[in-house]
C-alpha atoms as a PDB file:
ATOM      1  CA  MET A   1      99.835 107.512  92.530  1.00  0.00           C
ATOM      2  CA  THR A   2      98.611 106.365  95.928  1.00  0.00           C
ATOM      3  CA  ILE A   3      95.014 105.364  96.542  1.00  0.00           C
ATOM      4  CA  LEU A   4      92.980 105.184  99.728  1.00  0.00           C
ATOM      5  CA  HIS A   5      90.514 102.306  99.370  1.00  0.00           C
ATOM      6  CA  VAL A   6      87.402 102.633 101.543  1.00  0.00           C
ATOM      7  CA  GLN A   7      85.613  99.294 101.881  1.00  0.00           C
ATOM      8  CA  ARG A   8      81.983  99.577 103.026  1.00  0.00           C
ATOM      9  CA  THR A   9      80.613  96.103 102.259  1.00  0.00           C
ATOM     10  CA  SER A  10      81.172  92.668 103.715  1.00  0.00           C
ATOM     11  CA  ALA A  11      82.813  89.924 101.686  1.00  0.00           C
ATOM     12  CA  PHE A  12      80.248  87.616 103.288  1.00  0.00           C
ATOM     13  CA  ASP A  13      77.542  89.371 101.214  1.00  0.00           C
ATOM     14  CA  LYS A  14      79.198  90.887  98.119  1.00  0.00           C
ATOM     15  CA  ASN A  15      82.332  90.459  96.025  1.00  0.00           C
ATOM     16  CA  ASP A  16      83.537  94.076  96.334  1.00  0.00           C
ATOM     17  CA  PHE A  17      86.303  93.097  98.750  1.00  0.00           C
ATOM     18  CA  ALA A  18      87.686  90.571  96.251  1.00  0.00           C
ATOM     19  CA  GLN A  19      87.698  93.281  93.581  1.00  0.00           C
ATOM     20  CA  CYS A  20      89.436  95.653  95.978  1.00  0.00           C
ATOM     21  CA  ILE A  21      92.116  93.075  96.747  1.00  0.00           C
ATOM     22  CA  ALA A  22      92.664  92.494  93.027  1.00  0.00           C
ATOM     23  CA  THR A  23      93.350  96.189  92.396  1.00  0.00           C
ATOM     24  CA  ILE A  24      95.065  97.387  95.561  1.00  0.00           C
ATOM     25  CA  GLN A  25      98.805  98.121  95.447  1.00  0.00           C
ATOM     26  CA  SER A  26     101.394  97.972  98.216  1.00  0.00           C
ATOM     27  CA  ASN A  27     101.664 101.769  98.475  1.00  0.00           C
ATOM     28  CA  ASP A  28      97.881 102.144  98.858  1.00  0.00           C
ATOM     29  CA  ALA A  29      95.899 101.980 102.087  1.00  0.00           C
ATOM     30  CA  LEU A  30      92.625 100.356 103.077  1.00  0.00           C
ATOM     31  CA  VAL A  31      89.986 101.593 105.510  1.00  0.00           C
ATOM     32  CA  LEU A  32      87.192  99.246 106.588  1.00  0.00           C
ATOM     33  CA  ILE A  33      83.996 101.085 107.502  1.00  0.00           C
ATOM     34  CA  ASP A  34      80.346 100.145 108.019  1.00  0.00           C
ATOM     35  CA  ASP A  35      79.811  96.440 107.134  1.00  0.00           C
ATOM     36  CA  GLY A  36      83.325  96.383 105.689  1.00  0.00           C
ATOM     37  CA  CYS A  37      84.511  95.821 109.271  1.00  0.00           C
ATOM     38  CA  TYR A  38      83.262  92.231 108.976  1.00  0.00           C
ATOM     39  CA  ASN A  39      86.127  91.655 106.535  1.00  0.00           C
ATOM     40  CA  LEU A  40      88.522  91.664 109.483  1.00  0.00           C
ATOM     41  CA  THR A  41      87.270  88.132 110.184  1.00  0.00           C
ATOM     42  CA  HIS A  42      87.024  86.947 106.560  1.00  0.00           C
ATOM     43  CA  SER A  43      89.629  84.624 105.025  1.00  0.00           C
ATOM     44  CA  MET A  44      90.229  87.152 102.237  1.00  0.00           C
ATOM     45  CA  PHE A  45      91.697  89.508 104.837  1.00  0.00           C
ATOM     46  CA  ASN A  46      94.562  87.024 105.220  1.00  0.00           C
ATOM     47  CA  THR A  47      94.870  86.846 101.436  1.00  0.00           C
ATOM     48  CA  LEU A  48      95.285  90.620 101.329  1.00  0.00           C
ATOM     49  CA  LYS A  49      97.930  90.567 104.062  1.00  0.00           C
ATOM     50  CA  ASN A  50      99.820  87.754 102.306  1.00  0.00           C
ATOM     51  CA  GLN A  51      99.804  89.578  98.965  1.00  0.00           C
ATOM     52  CA  HIS A  52     100.702  92.969 100.462  1.00  0.00           C
ATOM     53  CA  PRO A  53     102.320  92.450 103.888  1.00  0.00           C
ATOM     54  CA  ASP A  54     103.284  96.119 104.250  1.00  0.00           C
ATOM     55  CA  ILE A  55      99.951  97.680 103.301  1.00  0.00           C
ATOM     56  CA  LYS A  56      98.400 100.090 105.773  1.00  0.00           C
ATOM     57  CA  ILE A  57      95.013  98.860 106.962  1.00  0.00           C
ATOM     58  CA  PHE A  58      92.640 100.786 109.207  1.00  0.00           C
ATOM     59  CA  HIS A  59      89.118 100.231 110.507  1.00  0.00           C
ATOM     60  CA  ILE A  60      86.626 102.614 112.083  1.00  0.00           C
ATOM     61  CA  ASP A  61      86.634 101.418 115.671  1.00  0.00           C
ATOM     62  CA  ASP A  62      83.055 102.515 116.444  1.00  0.00           C
ATOM     63  CA  HIS A  63      81.764 100.669 113.371  1.00  0.00           C
ATOM     64  CA  ALA A  64      83.521  97.431 114.330  1.00  0.00           C
ATOM     65  CA  GLN A  65      82.258  97.677 117.902  1.00  0.00           C
ATOM     66  CA  ALA A  66      78.684  98.355 116.730  1.00  0.00           C
ATOM     67  CA  ARG A  67      78.838  95.128 114.713  1.00  0.00           C
ATOM     68  CA  ALA A  68      80.445  93.141 117.557  1.00  0.00           C
ATOM     69  CA  VAL A  69      83.426  92.285 115.366  1.00  0.00           C
ATOM     70  CA  LYS A  70      86.032  90.554 117.495  1.00  0.00           C
ATOM     71  CA  ILE A  71      89.422  91.996 116.701  1.00  0.00           C
ATOM     72  CA  GLU A  72      92.142  89.777 118.092  1.00  0.00           C
ATOM     73  CA  ASN A  73      95.723  90.331 117.025  1.00  0.00           C
ATOM     74  CA  SER A  74      94.395  92.207 114.034  1.00  0.00           C
ATOM     75  CA  GLN A  75      96.763  93.767 111.591  1.00  0.00           C
ATOM     76  CA  SER A  76      94.383  96.686 111.265  1.00  0.00           C
ATOM     77  CA  GLN A  77      94.704  99.946 113.131  1.00  0.00           C
ATOM     78  CA  PRO A  78      91.547 101.294 114.810  1.00  0.00           C
ATOM     79  CA  ILE A  79      90.744 104.898 113.919  1.00  0.00           C
ATOM     80  CA  ALA A  80      87.916 107.383 114.414  1.00  0.00           C
ATOM     81  CA  MET A  81      85.881 108.900 111.604  1.00  0.00           C
ATOM     82  CA  ALA A  82      87.802 112.180 111.916  1.00  0.00           C
ATOM     83  CA  GLN A  83      91.012 110.317 111.145  1.00  0.00           C
ATOM     84  CA  LEU A  84      89.433 108.921 107.982  1.00  0.00           C
ATOM     85  CA  VAL A  85      88.924 112.478 106.778  1.00  0.00           C
ATOM     86  CA  GLU A  86      92.593 113.205 107.482  1.00  0.00           C
ATOM     87  CA  LEU A  87      93.643 110.118 105.511  1.00  0.00           C
ATOM     88  CA  THR A  88      91.803 111.325 102.416  1.00  0.00           C
ATOM     89  CA  PHE A  89      94.257 114.221 102.242  1.00  0.00           C
ATOM     90  CA  GLU A  90      97.291 111.944 102.515  1.00  0.00           C
ATOM     91  CA  TYR A  91      96.523 109.963  99.342  1.00  0.00           C
ATOM     92  CA  ASP A  92      96.278 111.076  95.721  1.00  0.00           C
ATOM     93  CA  SER A  93      92.873 109.486  95.169  1.00  0.00           C
ATOM     94  CA  THR A  94      90.095 107.678  97.022  1.00  0.00           C
ATOM     95  CA  ILE A  95      88.003 104.727  95.861  1.00  0.00           C
ATOM     96  CA  THR A  96      84.921 103.708  97.830  1.00  0.00           C
ATOM     97  CA  TRP A  97      83.906 100.080  97.442  1.00  0.00           C
ATOM     98  CA  GLN A  98      80.214  99.753  98.171  1.00  0.00           C
END
């Protein structure tokens, strides 16, 4: 079973991202939205990529831009909100971390 993980909170404020990393599998995907976009600059993002180098990671581009998150050589693909809706149909289940 594949799971789309939607991360809405920042690891700088809460431990939801750590819990997400502990449960995510290599065939799952992760979408960073809202304050979850801050996780692109958190050290745990590298932990996730080291544990699951092939995992698909996306972020809502407008949300990252609104929070002035600098995305340099990121291993996350920018998407629009409409694409998030499309992704929910590609996975068996969705978990929102908030």
